[in-house]
Amino acid sequence: AGQKLAAGIPDARFLAIDDMNYERVAALVEEFAGTEEAAVAAAPPAAGDVHTILFTDMEGSTALAQRLGDARAQDVRRAHNTIVREALRDEGGSEIKHTGDGIMASFPSASHALACAVAIQRAVAALRQAQGDPVEAALNVRIGLNAGEPVVEEDDLFGTSVDLAKRICDHAEPGEILVSDVVRQLAAGKDFLFSDRGEVVPKGFDEAVRLYTVRWEGQA
């Protein structure tokens, strides 16, 4: 119910709190109100840095209006945006732009990008499990990640590393997190489980790229 409420309020954030510690709750309220915006805002992209690029894509987004109607289709997109933006805030990611069917984001850390992707898929799965509303059943997300040194221009990112991240997302199945080998290597030693998905030749690329699925279901 809280997720539904947050999804209907522009710029709202749903956050489950295990303990009602006053100082923690007060800090969260101040963050939401913007009084600590400078302290919690993610750093903007910087040229020459290694970025882990994350793309989300909603399955069948172009057909949502036909199935649910314009208003309900927009509810699905709003639910997606709320889930993704909350995960970005929690893991220190920067939203680069909304792509219409998803969101492109950047992280200075591969492990934080992976943690964000896992949080997104778990939140989507929790929403779908309710199955009490067409919006809940309709939302299904694929996620792709790659890492590299993109071109930074006017707070946007461009270049081969970004293009590959988008192509990796295109290859992902609904409910899947698919990453390049460089992301897997950057996260070596962290608590992520990868399954080899084999090599693919992404559209627009000449060479094959080895991809890995991140296992997130049932993991603590």
N, C-alpha and C. Protein backbone atom coordinates (compact mmCIF):
# COMPACT_ATOMS: atom_id res chain seq x y z
N ALA A 1 0.83 -1.21 0.00
CA ALA A 1 0.00 0.00 0.00
C ALA A 1 0.87 1.25 0.00
N GLY A 2 1.95 1.21 0.74
CA GLY A 2 2.86 2.35 0.77
C GLY A 2 3.51 2.60 -0.57
N GLN A 3 3.89 1.52 -1.28
CA GLN A 3 4.48 1.67 -2.60
C GLN A 3 3.48 2.28 -3.57
N LYS A 4 2.21 1.84 -3.49
CA LYS A 4 1.17 2.41 -4.36
C LYS A 4 1.02 3.90 -4.09
N LEU A 5 1.00 4.27 -2.82
CA LEU A 5 0.84 5.68 -2.46
C LEU A 5 2.00 6.51 -2.99
N ALA A 6 3.23 6.02 -2.79
CA ALA A 6 4.41 6.76 -3.25
C ALA A 6 4.43 6.89 -4.76
N ALA A 7 3.98 5.84 -5.46
CA ALA A 7 3.98 5.87 -6.92
C ALA A 7 3.05 6.94 -7.47
N GLY A 8 2.05 7.32 -6.69
CA GLY A 8 1.09 8.32 -7.16
C GLY A 8 1.43 9.74 -6.77
N ILE A 9 2.53 9.94 -6.05
CA ILE A 9 2.93 11.27 -5.60
C ILE A 9 4.21 11.68 -6.31
N PRO A 10 4.22 12.75 -7.10
CA PRO A 10 5.43 13.17 -7.81
C PRO A 10 6.60 13.37 -6.85
N ASP A 11 7.75 12.79 -7.21
CA ASP A 11 9.01 12.92 -6.46
C ASP A 11 8.97 12.29 -5.07
N ALA A 12 7.91 11.49 -4.79
CA ALA A 12 7.86 10.82 -3.49
C ALA A 12 8.80 9.63 -3.47
N ARG A 13 9.17 9.21 -2.29
CA ARG A 13 10.06 8.07 -2.11
C ARG A 13 9.47 7.13 -1.08
N PHE A 14 9.34 5.83 -1.43
CA PHE A 14 8.87 4.84 -0.47
C PHE A 14 10.08 4.22 0.22
N LEU A 15 10.08 4.20 1.55
CA LEU A 15 11.19 3.61 2.29
C LEU A 15 10.63 2.90 3.52
N ALA A 16 10.85 1.58 3.58
CA ALA A 16 10.41 0.81 4.75
C ALA A 16 11.41 1.00 5.88
N ILE A 17 10.94 1.30 7.08
CA ILE A 17 11.81 1.56 8.23
C ILE A 17 11.58 0.47 9.28
N ASP A 18 12.67 -0.21 9.64
CA ASP A 18 12.58 -1.31 10.60
C ASP A 18 12.47 -0.82 12.04
N ASP A 19 13.11 0.30 12.33
CA ASP A 19 13.03 0.82 13.69
C ASP A 19 12.74 2.32 13.62
N MET A 20 11.97 2.79 14.58
CA MET A 20 11.55 4.19 14.58
C MET A 20 12.50 5.05 15.41
N ASN A 21 13.81 4.91 15.15
CA ASN A 21 14.78 5.77 15.81
C ASN A 21 14.54 7.22 15.38
N TYR A 22 14.34 8.12 16.35
CA TYR A 22 13.95 9.49 16.02
C TYR A 22 14.98 10.18 15.14
N GLU A 23 16.26 10.06 15.48
CA GLU A 23 17.28 10.77 14.72
C GLU A 23 17.34 10.29 13.27
N ARG A 24 17.19 8.97 13.09
CA ARG A 24 17.22 8.43 11.72
C ARG A 24 16.02 8.91 10.91
N VAL A 25 14.84 8.85 11.54
CA VAL A 25 13.63 9.29 10.84
C VAL A 25 13.70 10.78 10.53
N ALA A 26 14.19 11.57 11.47
CA ALA A 26 14.31 13.01 11.24
C ALA A 26 15.25 13.31 10.07
N ALA A 27 16.35 12.56 9.99
CA ALA A 27 17.29 12.77 8.90
C ALA A 27 16.66 12.43 7.55
N LEU A 28 15.85 11.37 7.53
CA LEU A 28 15.17 10.98 6.28
C LEU A 28 14.15 12.04 5.87
N VAL A 29 13.44 12.61 6.85
CA VAL A 29 12.47 13.66 6.54
C VAL A 29 13.18 14.89 6.00
N GLU A 30 14.32 15.26 6.61
CA GLU A 30 15.07 16.42 6.14
C GLU A 30 15.60 16.19 4.74
N GLU A 31 16.04 14.95 4.46
CA GLU A 31 16.52 14.62 3.12
C GLU A 31 15.41 14.77 2.09
N PHE A 32 14.22 14.25 2.43
CA PHE A 32 13.09 14.32 1.51
C PHE A 32 12.67 15.77 1.28
N ALA A 33 12.71 16.57 2.36
CA ALA A 33 12.29 17.96 2.26
C ALA A 33 13.31 18.83 1.54
N GLY A 34 14.53 18.31 1.37
CA GLY A 34 15.54 19.04 0.63
C GLY A 34 16.47 19.86 1.49
N THR A 35 16.34 19.80 2.82
CA THR A 35 17.19 20.61 3.68
C THR A 35 18.61 20.08 3.76
N GLU A 36 18.80 18.79 3.38
CA GLU A 36 20.14 18.22 3.35
C GLU A 36 20.51 17.78 1.95
N GLU A 37 19.95 18.48 0.97
CA GLU A 37 20.12 18.08 -0.42
C GLU A 37 21.59 18.04 -0.83
N ALA A 38 22.35 19.04 -0.40
CA ALA A 38 23.75 19.08 -0.82
C ALA A 38 24.53 17.91 -0.28
N ALA A 39 24.13 17.41 0.91
CA ALA A 39 24.89 16.33 1.53
C ALA A 39 24.59 14.99 0.90
N VAL A 40 23.36 14.80 0.40
CA VAL A 40 22.96 13.48 -0.08
C VAL A 40 22.94 13.37 -1.59
N ALA A 41 23.09 14.48 -2.31
CA ALA A 41 23.03 14.43 -3.76
C ALA A 41 24.20 13.65 -4.32
N ALA A 42 23.93 12.82 -5.33
CA ALA A 42 25.00 12.07 -5.97
C ALA A 42 25.88 13.00 -6.78
N ALA A 43 27.17 12.67 -6.85
CA ALA A 43 28.10 13.49 -7.60
C ALA A 43 27.78 13.43 -9.09
N PRO A 44 27.88 14.56 -9.81
CA PRO A 44 27.61 14.54 -11.24
C PRO A 44 28.71 13.78 -11.97
N PRO A 45 28.43 13.31 -13.20
CA PRO A 45 29.44 12.60 -13.97
C PRO A 45 30.66 13.48 -14.23
N ALA A 46 31.84 12.87 -14.21
CA ALA A 46 33.08 13.60 -14.46
C ALA A 46 33.85 12.92 -15.57
N ALA A 47 34.46 13.73 -16.44
CA ALA A 47 35.22 13.21 -17.57
C ALA A 47 36.46 12.47 -17.06
N GLY A 48 36.82 11.38 -17.73
CA GLY A 48 38.01 10.63 -17.39
C GLY A 48 37.81 9.60 -16.31
N ASP A 49 36.65 9.59 -15.66
CA ASP A 49 36.36 8.61 -14.62
C ASP A 49 35.78 7.34 -15.23
N VAL A 50 35.97 6.22 -14.52
CA VAL A 50 35.33 4.97 -14.90
C VAL A 50 33.91 4.99 -14.34
N HIS A 51 32.95 4.80 -15.21
CA HIS A 51 31.55 4.78 -14.80
C HIS A 51 30.98 3.39 -15.05
N THR A 52 30.15 2.94 -14.14
CA THR A 52 29.32 1.77 -14.42
C THR A 52 27.96 2.29 -14.84
N ILE A 53 27.58 1.95 -16.07
CA ILE A 53 26.35 2.46 -16.67
C ILE A 53 25.25 1.42 -16.51
N LEU A 54 24.09 1.85 -16.04
CA LEU A 54 22.94 0.98 -15.85
C LEU A 54 21.77 1.49 -16.68
N PHE A 55 21.16 0.57 -17.41
CA PHE A 55 19.93 0.88 -18.14
C PHE A 55 18.81 -0.03 -17.62
N THR A 56 17.62 0.54 -17.45
CA THR A 56 16.43 -0.26 -17.21
C THR A 56 15.52 -0.14 -18.43
N ASP A 57 14.69 -1.15 -18.62
CA ASP A 57 13.75 -1.13 -19.74
C ASP A 57 12.50 -1.90 -19.31
N MET A 58 11.35 -1.27 -19.44
CA MET A 58 10.09 -1.90 -19.07
C MET A 58 9.61 -2.79 -20.21
N GLU A 59 9.30 -4.03 -19.89
CA GLU A 59 8.83 -4.97 -20.91
C GLU A 59 7.47 -4.51 -21.46
N GLY A 60 7.37 -4.50 -22.78
CA GLY A 60 6.10 -4.22 -23.43
C GLY A 60 5.52 -2.86 -23.13
N SER A 61 6.39 -1.86 -22.90
CA SER A 61 5.87 -0.55 -22.51
C SER A 61 5.03 0.09 -23.60
N THR A 62 5.39 -0.16 -24.86
CA THR A 62 4.64 0.46 -25.95
C THR A 62 3.23 -0.12 -26.09
N ALA A 63 3.03 -1.32 -25.55
CA ALA A 63 1.70 -1.95 -25.65
C ALA A 63 0.85 -1.73 -24.41
N LEU A 64 1.41 -1.04 -23.41
CA LEU A 64 0.68 -0.87 -22.16
C LEU A 64 -0.62 -0.10 -22.35
N ALA A 65 -0.57 0.96 -23.14
CA ALA A 65 -1.77 1.78 -23.32
C ALA A 65 -2.89 0.99 -23.98
N GLN A 66 -2.53 0.08 -24.88
CA GLN A 66 -3.54 -0.73 -25.54
C GLN A 66 -4.20 -1.70 -24.56
N ARG A 67 -3.40 -2.22 -23.63
CA ARG A 67 -3.90 -3.20 -22.68
C ARG A 67 -4.63 -2.58 -21.52
N LEU A 68 -4.08 -1.45 -21.01
CA LEU A 68 -4.58 -0.89 -19.76
C LEU A 68 -5.26 0.46 -19.92
N GLY A 69 -5.03 1.12 -21.05
CA GLY A 69 -5.49 2.50 -21.20
C GLY A 69 -4.37 3.46 -20.81
N ASP A 70 -4.47 4.68 -21.27
CA ASP A 70 -3.39 5.65 -21.07
C ASP A 70 -3.10 5.93 -19.60
N ALA A 71 -4.16 6.11 -18.81
CA ALA A 71 -3.96 6.47 -17.41
C ALA A 71 -3.28 5.35 -16.63
N ARG A 72 -3.72 4.11 -16.84
CA ARG A 72 -3.13 2.99 -16.11
C ARG A 72 -1.72 2.69 -16.60
N ALA A 73 -1.50 2.87 -17.90
CA ALA A 73 -0.15 2.68 -18.44
C ALA A 73 0.82 3.68 -17.80
N GLN A 74 0.36 4.90 -17.59
CA GLN A 74 1.20 5.89 -16.93
C GLN A 74 1.47 5.52 -15.48
N ASP A 75 0.49 4.86 -14.84
CA ASP A 75 0.71 4.37 -13.47
C ASP A 75 1.84 3.36 -13.42
N VAL A 76 1.93 2.49 -14.45
CA VAL A 76 3.01 1.51 -14.51
C VAL A 76 4.35 2.22 -14.64
N ARG A 77 4.41 3.20 -15.52
CA ARG A 77 5.67 3.95 -15.70
C ARG A 77 6.06 4.69 -14.43
N ARG A 78 5.07 5.23 -13.74
CA ARG A 78 5.34 5.95 -12.50
C ARG A 78 5.86 5.00 -11.42
N ALA A 79 5.29 3.80 -11.35
CA ALA A 79 5.77 2.80 -10.39
C ALA A 79 7.21 2.43 -10.68
N HIS A 80 7.52 2.23 -11.96
CA HIS A 80 8.90 1.94 -12.37
C HIS A 80 9.84 3.06 -11.95
N ASN A 81 9.46 4.30 -12.24
CA ASN A 81 10.33 5.42 -11.92
C ASN A 81 10.58 5.55 -10.42
N THR A 82 9.54 5.32 -9.63
CA THR A 82 9.67 5.41 -8.18
C THR A 82 10.65 4.36 -7.65
N ILE A 83 10.49 3.13 -8.12
CA ILE A 83 11.36 2.04 -7.66
C ILE A 83 12.81 2.31 -8.05
N VAL A 84 13.03 2.70 -9.30
CA VAL A 84 14.40 2.91 -9.77
C VAL A 84 15.05 4.08 -9.05
N ARG A 85 14.33 5.17 -8.90
CA ARG A 85 14.93 6.36 -8.27
C ARG A 85 15.22 6.15 -6.79
N GLU A 86 14.37 5.38 -6.13
CA GLU A 86 14.66 5.06 -4.72
C GLU A 86 15.94 4.23 -4.61
N ALA A 87 16.09 3.24 -5.49
CA ALA A 87 17.31 2.42 -5.47
C ALA A 87 18.54 3.25 -5.82
N LEU A 88 18.41 4.18 -6.74
CA LEU A 88 19.54 5.06 -7.08
C LEU A 88 19.97 5.89 -5.88
N ARG A 89 19.00 6.44 -5.17
CA ARG A 89 19.34 7.25 -3.98
C ARG A 89 20.07 6.39 -2.93
N ASP A 90 19.56 5.19 -2.72
CA ASP A 90 20.15 4.34 -1.69
C ASP A 90 21.56 3.90 -2.03
N GLU A 91 21.88 3.76 -3.33
CA GLU A 91 23.19 3.22 -3.74
C GLU A 91 24.11 4.27 -4.35
N GLY A 92 23.72 5.54 -4.27
CA GLY A 92 24.61 6.61 -4.72
C GLY A 92 24.72 6.74 -6.23
N GLY A 93 23.69 6.33 -6.95
CA GLY A 93 23.71 6.45 -8.40
C GLY A 93 23.20 7.80 -8.87
N SER A 94 23.59 8.19 -10.08
CA SER A 94 23.14 9.44 -10.68
C SER A 94 22.23 9.12 -11.85
N GLU A 95 21.00 9.62 -11.83
CA GLU A 95 20.12 9.46 -12.98
C GLU A 95 20.61 10.38 -14.09
N ILE A 96 20.94 9.80 -15.23
CA ILE A 96 21.42 10.59 -16.36
C ILE A 96 20.25 11.09 -17.19
N LYS A 97 19.32 10.20 -17.52
CA LYS A 97 18.15 10.63 -18.27
C LYS A 97 17.09 9.54 -18.27
N HIS A 98 15.87 9.98 -18.56
CA HIS A 98 14.76 9.04 -18.74
C HIS A 98 14.68 8.74 -20.22
N THR A 99 14.61 7.46 -20.56
CA THR A 99 14.64 7.05 -21.97
C THR A 99 13.25 6.83 -22.56
N GLY A 100 12.20 7.08 -21.79
CA GLY A 100 10.85 6.82 -22.24
C GLY A 100 10.36 5.47 -21.77
N ASP A 101 11.16 4.42 -22.03
CA ASP A 101 10.82 3.07 -21.58
C ASP A 101 11.61 2.67 -20.34
N GLY A 102 12.51 3.52 -19.89
CA GLY A 102 13.34 3.18 -18.75
C GLY A 102 14.18 4.36 -18.31
N ILE A 103 15.21 4.06 -17.53
CA ILE A 103 16.10 5.09 -16.99
C ILE A 103 17.55 4.68 -17.22
N MET A 104 18.37 5.65 -17.58
CA MET A 104 19.82 5.45 -17.68
C MET A 104 20.46 6.11 -16.47
N ALA A 105 21.37 5.38 -15.81
CA ALA A 105 22.02 5.90 -14.61
C ALA A 105 23.51 5.55 -14.63
N SER A 106 24.26 6.26 -13.81
CA SER A 106 25.71 6.07 -13.73
C SER A 106 26.14 5.93 -12.28
N PHE A 107 27.16 5.09 -12.05
CA PHE A 107 27.71 4.86 -10.72
C PHE A 107 29.23 4.92 -10.78
N PRO A 108 29.87 5.44 -9.74
CA PRO A 108 31.33 5.39 -9.67
C PRO A 108 31.84 4.03 -9.21
N SER A 109 30.92 3.16 -8.78
CA SER A 109 31.27 1.85 -8.24
C SER A 109 30.43 0.76 -8.89
N ALA A 110 31.09 -0.29 -9.39
CA ALA A 110 30.36 -1.40 -10.00
C ALA A 110 29.53 -2.14 -8.96
N SER A 111 30.05 -2.30 -7.75
CA SER A 111 29.31 -3.03 -6.73
C SER A 111 28.04 -2.29 -6.32
N HIS A 112 28.09 -0.97 -6.26
CA HIS A 112 26.89 -0.20 -5.94
C HIS A 112 25.89 -0.26 -7.08
N ALA A 113 26.38 -0.26 -8.31
CA ALA A 113 25.48 -0.39 -9.46
C ALA A 113 24.78 -1.74 -9.44
N LEU A 114 25.51 -2.79 -9.12
CA LEU A 114 24.92 -4.12 -9.03
C LEU A 114 23.91 -4.21 -7.89
N ALA A 115 24.26 -3.61 -6.75
CA ALA A 115 23.33 -3.61 -5.61
C ALA A 115 22.05 -2.87 -5.97
N CYS A 116 22.19 -1.79 -6.74
CA CYS A 116 21.02 -1.04 -7.18
C CYS A 116 20.15 -1.90 -8.10
N ALA A 117 20.78 -2.59 -9.04
CA ALA A 117 20.03 -3.45 -9.96
C ALA A 117 19.29 -4.54 -9.21
N VAL A 118 19.93 -5.15 -8.23
CA VAL A 118 19.28 -6.19 -7.42
C VAL A 118 18.10 -5.61 -6.66
N ALA A 119 18.29 -4.42 -6.07
CA ALA A 119 17.21 -3.79 -5.32
C ALA A 119 16.01 -3.49 -6.22
N ILE A 120 16.28 -3.07 -7.44
CA ILE A 120 15.19 -2.77 -8.39
C ILE A 120 14.40 -4.04 -8.68
N GLN A 121 15.10 -5.12 -9.03
CA GLN A 121 14.39 -6.35 -9.38
C GLN A 121 13.62 -6.92 -8.20
N ARG A 122 14.17 -6.81 -7.01
CA ARG A 122 13.45 -7.30 -5.83
C ARG A 122 12.20 -6.47 -5.55
N ALA A 123 12.30 -5.15 -5.73
CA ALA A 123 11.14 -4.30 -5.51
C ALA A 123 10.06 -4.56 -6.55
N VAL A 124 10.46 -4.76 -7.80
CA VAL A 124 9.50 -5.08 -8.85
C VAL A 124 8.83 -6.42 -8.56
N ALA A 125 9.64 -7.40 -8.14
CA ALA A 125 9.08 -8.72 -7.83
C ALA A 125 8.09 -8.64 -6.68
N ALA A 126 8.40 -7.83 -5.67
CA ALA A 126 7.49 -7.68 -4.53
C ALA A 126 6.18 -7.04 -4.97
N LEU A 127 6.27 -6.09 -5.88
CA LEU A 127 5.06 -5.44 -6.39
C LEU A 127 4.22 -6.42 -7.20
N ARG A 128 4.87 -7.23 -8.03
CA ARG A 128 4.16 -8.18 -8.87
C ARG A 128 3.51 -9.30 -8.04
N GLN A 129 4.13 -9.65 -6.93
CA GLN A 129 3.60 -10.72 -6.10
C GLN A 129 2.22 -10.38 -5.54
N ALA A 130 1.95 -9.10 -5.35
CA ALA A 130 0.65 -8.70 -4.81
C ALA A 130 -0.47 -9.10 -5.76
N GLN A 131 -0.25 -8.88 -7.07
CA GLN A 131 -1.20 -9.32 -8.10
C GLN A 131 -2.63 -8.85 -7.82
N GLY A 132 -2.78 -7.75 -7.11
CA GLY A 132 -4.11 -7.26 -6.81
C GLY A 132 -4.57 -6.15 -7.72
N ASP A 133 -3.69 -5.76 -8.66
CA ASP A 133 -3.98 -4.62 -9.51
C ASP A 133 -3.30 -4.84 -10.85
N PRO A 134 -3.93 -4.45 -11.96
CA PRO A 134 -3.29 -4.62 -13.27
C PRO A 134 -1.93 -3.95 -13.38
N VAL A 135 -1.74 -2.85 -12.66
CA VAL A 135 -0.46 -2.16 -12.69
C VAL A 135 0.64 -3.04 -12.10
N GLU A 136 0.32 -3.70 -10.98
CA GLU A 136 1.30 -4.56 -10.33
C GLU A 136 1.70 -5.73 -11.24
N ALA A 137 0.74 -6.32 -11.90
CA ALA A 137 1.03 -7.45 -12.78
C ALA A 137 1.75 -7.02 -14.04
N ALA A 138 1.57 -5.77 -14.47
CA ALA A 138 2.11 -5.32 -15.75
C ALA A 138 3.59 -4.96 -15.68
N LEU A 139 4.07 -4.52 -14.53
CA LEU A 139 5.45 -4.04 -14.45
C LEU A 139 6.43 -5.19 -14.46
N ASN A 140 7.31 -5.20 -15.44
CA ASN A 140 8.38 -6.18 -15.55
C ASN A 140 9.56 -5.48 -16.18
N VAL A 141 10.75 -5.64 -15.59
CA VAL A 141 11.89 -4.81 -15.97
C VAL A 141 13.10 -5.67 -16.32
N ARG A 142 13.78 -5.28 -17.38
CA ARG A 142 15.09 -5.85 -17.73
C ARG A 142 16.15 -4.80 -17.44
N ILE A 143 17.34 -5.26 -17.02
CA ILE A 143 18.42 -4.35 -16.63
C ILE A 143 19.72 -4.80 -17.28
N GLY A 144 20.47 -3.84 -17.82
CA GLY A 144 21.78 -4.12 -18.40
C GLY A 144 22.83 -3.18 -17.85
N LEU A 145 24.05 -3.70 -17.62
CA LEU A 145 25.14 -2.89 -17.08
C LEU A 145 26.43 -3.12 -17.86
N ASN A 146 27.19 -2.04 -18.00
CA ASN A 146 28.53 -2.08 -18.57
C ASN A 146 29.36 -1.01 -17.87
N ALA A 147 30.68 -1.10 -17.99
CA ALA A 147 31.55 -0.12 -17.35
C ALA A 147 32.62 0.34 -18.34
N GLY A 148 33.04 1.59 -18.19
CA GLY A 148 34.07 2.15 -19.06
C GLY A 148 34.24 3.62 -18.79
N GLU A 149 34.91 4.31 -19.71
CA GLU A 149 35.15 5.74 -19.60
C GLU A 149 34.37 6.46 -20.70
N PRO A 150 33.13 6.82 -20.45
CA PRO A 150 32.32 7.46 -21.48
C PRO A 150 32.71 8.92 -21.69
N VAL A 151 32.21 9.49 -22.76
CA VAL A 151 32.36 10.91 -23.02
C VAL A 151 31.31 11.65 -22.20
N VAL A 152 31.75 12.67 -21.46
CA VAL A 152 30.84 13.46 -20.62
C VAL A 152 30.60 14.80 -21.29
N GLU A 153 29.32 15.11 -21.49
CA GLU A 153 28.97 16.38 -22.12
C GLU A 153 27.61 16.84 -21.61
N GLU A 154 27.58 18.02 -20.99
CA GLU A 154 26.34 18.62 -20.50
C GLU A 154 25.55 17.64 -19.62
N ASP A 155 26.25 17.06 -18.65
CA ASP A 155 25.63 16.13 -17.68
C ASP A 155 25.03 14.89 -18.33
N ASP A 156 25.47 14.58 -19.55
CA ASP A 156 25.03 13.36 -20.22
C ASP A 156 26.27 12.53 -20.55
N LEU A 157 26.08 11.26 -20.81
CA LEU A 157 27.18 10.35 -21.12
C LEU A 157 26.98 9.76 -22.51
N PHE A 158 28.08 9.65 -23.26
CA PHE A 158 28.03 9.12 -24.61
C PHE A 158 29.22 8.19 -24.83
N GLY A 159 29.20 7.49 -25.95
CA GLY A 159 30.34 6.68 -26.33
C GLY A 159 30.07 5.19 -26.31
N THR A 160 31.13 4.44 -26.61
CA THR A 160 31.01 3.00 -26.78
C THR A 160 30.53 2.30 -25.51
N SER A 161 31.03 2.71 -24.35
CA SER A 161 30.64 2.04 -23.10
C SER A 161 29.15 2.22 -22.82
N VAL A 162 28.61 3.38 -23.17
CA VAL A 162 27.18 3.63 -22.98
C VAL A 162 26.36 2.83 -23.99
N ASP A 163 26.80 2.85 -25.25
CA ASP A 163 26.09 2.10 -26.29
C ASP A 163 26.03 0.62 -25.96
N LEU A 164 27.13 0.09 -25.45
CA LEU A 164 27.16 -1.33 -25.11
C LEU A 164 26.24 -1.65 -23.94
N ALA A 165 26.20 -0.76 -22.95
CA ALA A 165 25.29 -0.96 -21.82
C ALA A 165 23.85 -1.06 -22.29
N LYS A 166 23.47 -0.20 -23.24
CA LYS A 166 22.11 -0.24 -23.77
C LYS A 166 21.85 -1.53 -24.53
N ARG A 167 22.82 -1.98 -25.33
CA ARG A 167 22.65 -3.23 -26.08
C ARG A 167 22.55 -4.43 -25.15
N ILE A 168 23.31 -4.40 -24.06
CA ILE A 168 23.24 -5.47 -23.07
C ILE A 168 21.84 -5.52 -22.45
N CYS A 169 21.29 -4.35 -22.15
CA CYS A 169 19.92 -4.29 -21.62
C CYS A 169 18.94 -4.88 -22.62
N ASP A 170 19.16 -4.59 -23.90
CA ASP A 170 18.27 -5.12 -24.95
C ASP A 170 18.30 -6.65 -24.99
N HIS A 171 19.45 -7.25 -24.64
CA HIS A 171 19.58 -8.71 -24.66
C HIS A 171 19.01 -9.37 -23.41
N ALA A 172 18.78 -8.59 -22.36
CA ALA A 172 18.29 -9.16 -21.10
C ALA A 172 16.83 -9.61 -21.24
N GLU A 173 16.49 -10.65 -20.50
CA GLU A 173 15.12 -11.11 -20.42
C GLU A 173 14.38 -10.30 -19.35
N PRO A 174 13.05 -10.21 -19.41
CA PRO A 174 12.31 -9.54 -18.34
C PRO A 174 12.63 -10.18 -16.98
N GLY A 175 12.91 -9.35 -16.00
CA GLY A 175 13.27 -9.84 -14.68
C GLY A 175 14.73 -10.22 -14.54
N GLU A 176 15.54 -9.95 -15.56
CA GLU A 176 16.94 -10.36 -15.55
C GLU A 176 17.86 -9.14 -15.39
N ILE A 177 19.00 -9.37 -14.75
CA ILE A 177 20.10 -8.41 -14.70
C ILE A 177 21.24 -9.00 -15.50
N LEU A 178 21.62 -8.34 -16.59
CA LEU A 178 22.64 -8.84 -17.49
C LEU A 178 23.79 -7.85 -17.52
N VAL A 179 25.03 -8.37 -17.37
CA VAL A 179 26.19 -7.48 -17.26
C VAL A 179 27.32 -7.95 -18.17
N SER A 180 28.21 -7.03 -18.50
CA SER A 180 29.40 -7.37 -19.26
C SER A 180 30.45 -8.00 -18.35
N ASP A 181 31.44 -8.61 -18.95
CA ASP A 181 32.50 -9.25 -18.17
C ASP A 181 33.29 -8.22 -17.36
N VAL A 182 33.43 -7.01 -17.88
CA VAL A 182 34.19 -6.00 -17.14
C VAL A 182 33.49 -5.64 -15.84
N VAL A 183 32.17 -5.62 -15.83
CA VAL A 183 31.43 -5.35 -14.59
C VAL A 183 31.64 -6.49 -13.61
N ARG A 184 31.57 -7.71 -14.12
CA ARG A 184 31.81 -8.88 -13.25
C ARG A 184 33.19 -8.82 -12.62
N GLN A 185 34.19 -8.45 -13.39
CA GLN A 185 35.55 -8.39 -12.86
C GLN A 185 35.72 -7.26 -11.85
N LEU A 186 35.09 -6.13 -12.11
CA LEU A 186 35.18 -5.01 -11.16
C LEU A 186 34.55 -5.35 -9.82
N ALA A 187 33.57 -6.24 -9.85
CA ALA A 187 32.87 -6.63 -8.61
C ALA A 187 33.43 -7.91 -8.01
N ALA A 188 34.58 -8.35 -8.47
CA ALA A 188 35.18 -9.58 -7.95
C ALA A 188 35.41 -9.47 -6.45
N GLY A 189 35.06 -10.53 -5.74
CA GLY A 189 35.22 -10.56 -4.29
C GLY A 189 34.03 -10.03 -3.52
N LYS A 190 33.06 -9.48 -4.24
CA LYS A 190 31.84 -9.00 -3.58
C LYS A 190 30.81 -10.12 -3.56
N ASP A 191 29.72 -9.88 -2.85
CA ASP A 191 28.72 -10.93 -2.66
C ASP A 191 27.68 -10.96 -3.77
N PHE A 192 28.16 -11.16 -5.00
CA PHE A 192 27.27 -11.30 -6.15
C PHE A 192 27.55 -12.62 -6.84
N LEU A 193 26.48 -13.26 -7.28
CA LEU A 193 26.61 -14.54 -7.97
C LEU A 193 26.30 -14.33 -9.45
N PHE A 194 27.20 -14.81 -10.32
CA PHE A 194 27.06 -14.62 -11.75
C PHE A 194 26.92 -15.97 -12.45
N SER A 195 26.11 -15.98 -13.49
CA SER A 195 25.99 -17.15 -14.35
C SER A 195 26.36 -16.75 -15.77
N ASP A 196 27.22 -17.55 -16.40
CA ASP A 196 27.70 -17.25 -17.75
C ASP A 196 26.55 -17.39 -18.74
N ARG A 197 26.29 -16.33 -19.51
CA ARG A 197 25.23 -16.36 -20.53
C ARG A 197 25.81 -16.56 -21.93
N GLY A 198 27.15 -16.68 -21.99
CA GLY A 198 27.78 -16.89 -23.29
C GLY A 198 28.08 -15.59 -24.01
N GLU A 199 28.53 -15.72 -25.25
CA GLU A 199 28.91 -14.56 -26.04
C GLU A 199 27.80 -14.16 -27.01
N VAL A 200 27.68 -12.85 -27.21
CA VAL A 200 26.76 -12.31 -28.21
C VAL A 200 27.50 -11.23 -28.98
N VAL A 201 27.02 -10.95 -30.18
CA VAL A 201 27.54 -9.82 -30.95
C VAL A 201 26.44 -8.76 -30.94
N PRO A 202 26.58 -7.75 -30.10
CA PRO A 202 25.52 -6.74 -29.99
C PRO A 202 25.34 -5.98 -31.30
N LYS A 203 24.14 -5.52 -31.54
CA LYS A 203 23.85 -4.74 -32.72
C LYS A 203 24.75 -3.51 -32.78
N GLY A 204 25.40 -3.32 -33.93
CA GLY A 204 26.29 -2.18 -34.11
C GLY A 204 27.72 -2.44 -33.69
N PHE A 205 28.01 -3.62 -33.17
CA PHE A 205 29.37 -3.98 -32.75
C PHE A 205 29.90 -5.10 -33.64
N ASP A 206 31.22 -5.10 -33.82
CA ASP A 206 31.85 -6.09 -34.69
C ASP A 206 32.31 -7.33 -33.94
N GLU A 207 32.60 -7.18 -32.65
CA GLU A 207 33.17 -8.27 -31.88
C GLU A 207 32.17 -8.80 -30.85
N ALA A 208 32.31 -10.08 -30.54
CA ALA A 208 31.45 -10.71 -29.55
C ALA A 208 31.79 -10.22 -28.14
N VAL A 209 30.80 -10.19 -27.30
CA VAL A 209 30.95 -9.77 -25.91
C VAL A 209 30.39 -10.87 -25.02
N ARG A 210 31.14 -11.26 -23.99
CA ARG A 210 30.64 -12.27 -23.06
C ARG A 210 29.79 -11.60 -21.99
N LEU A 211 28.61 -12.17 -21.75
CA LEU A 211 27.67 -11.60 -20.81
C LEU A 211 27.40 -12.55 -19.66
N TYR A 212 27.00 -11.97 -18.53
CA TYR A 212 26.72 -12.74 -17.32
C TYR A 212 25.40 -12.28 -16.71
N THR A 213 24.64 -13.26 -16.23
CA THR A 213 23.42 -12.97 -15.49
C THR A 213 23.75 -12.87 -14.00
N VAL A 214 23.19 -11.86 -13.36
CA VAL A 214 23.36 -11.70 -11.90
C VAL A 214 22.19 -12.39 -11.21
N ARG A 215 22.50 -13.32 -10.35
CA ARG A 215 21.46 -14.05 -9.62
C ARG A 215 21.00 -13.21 -8.42
N TRP A 216 19.74 -12.84 -8.42
CA TRP A 216 19.23 -12.01 -7.34
C TRP A 216 18.07 -12.64 -6.58
N GLU A 217 17.41 -13.61 -7.16
CA GLU A 217 16.26 -14.23 -6.50
C GLU A 217 16.73 -15.17 -5.39
N GLY A 218 16.16 -14.97 -4.21
CA GLY A 218 16.47 -15.84 -3.09
C GLY A 218 17.79 -15.57 -2.42
N GLN A 219 18.49 -14.48 -2.85
CA GLN A 219 19.77 -14.15 -2.24
C GLN A 219 19.54 -13.12 -1.13
N ALA A 220 20.31 -13.27 -0.06
CA ALA A 220 20.18 -12.35 1.07
C ALA A 220 20.79 -11.02 0.74
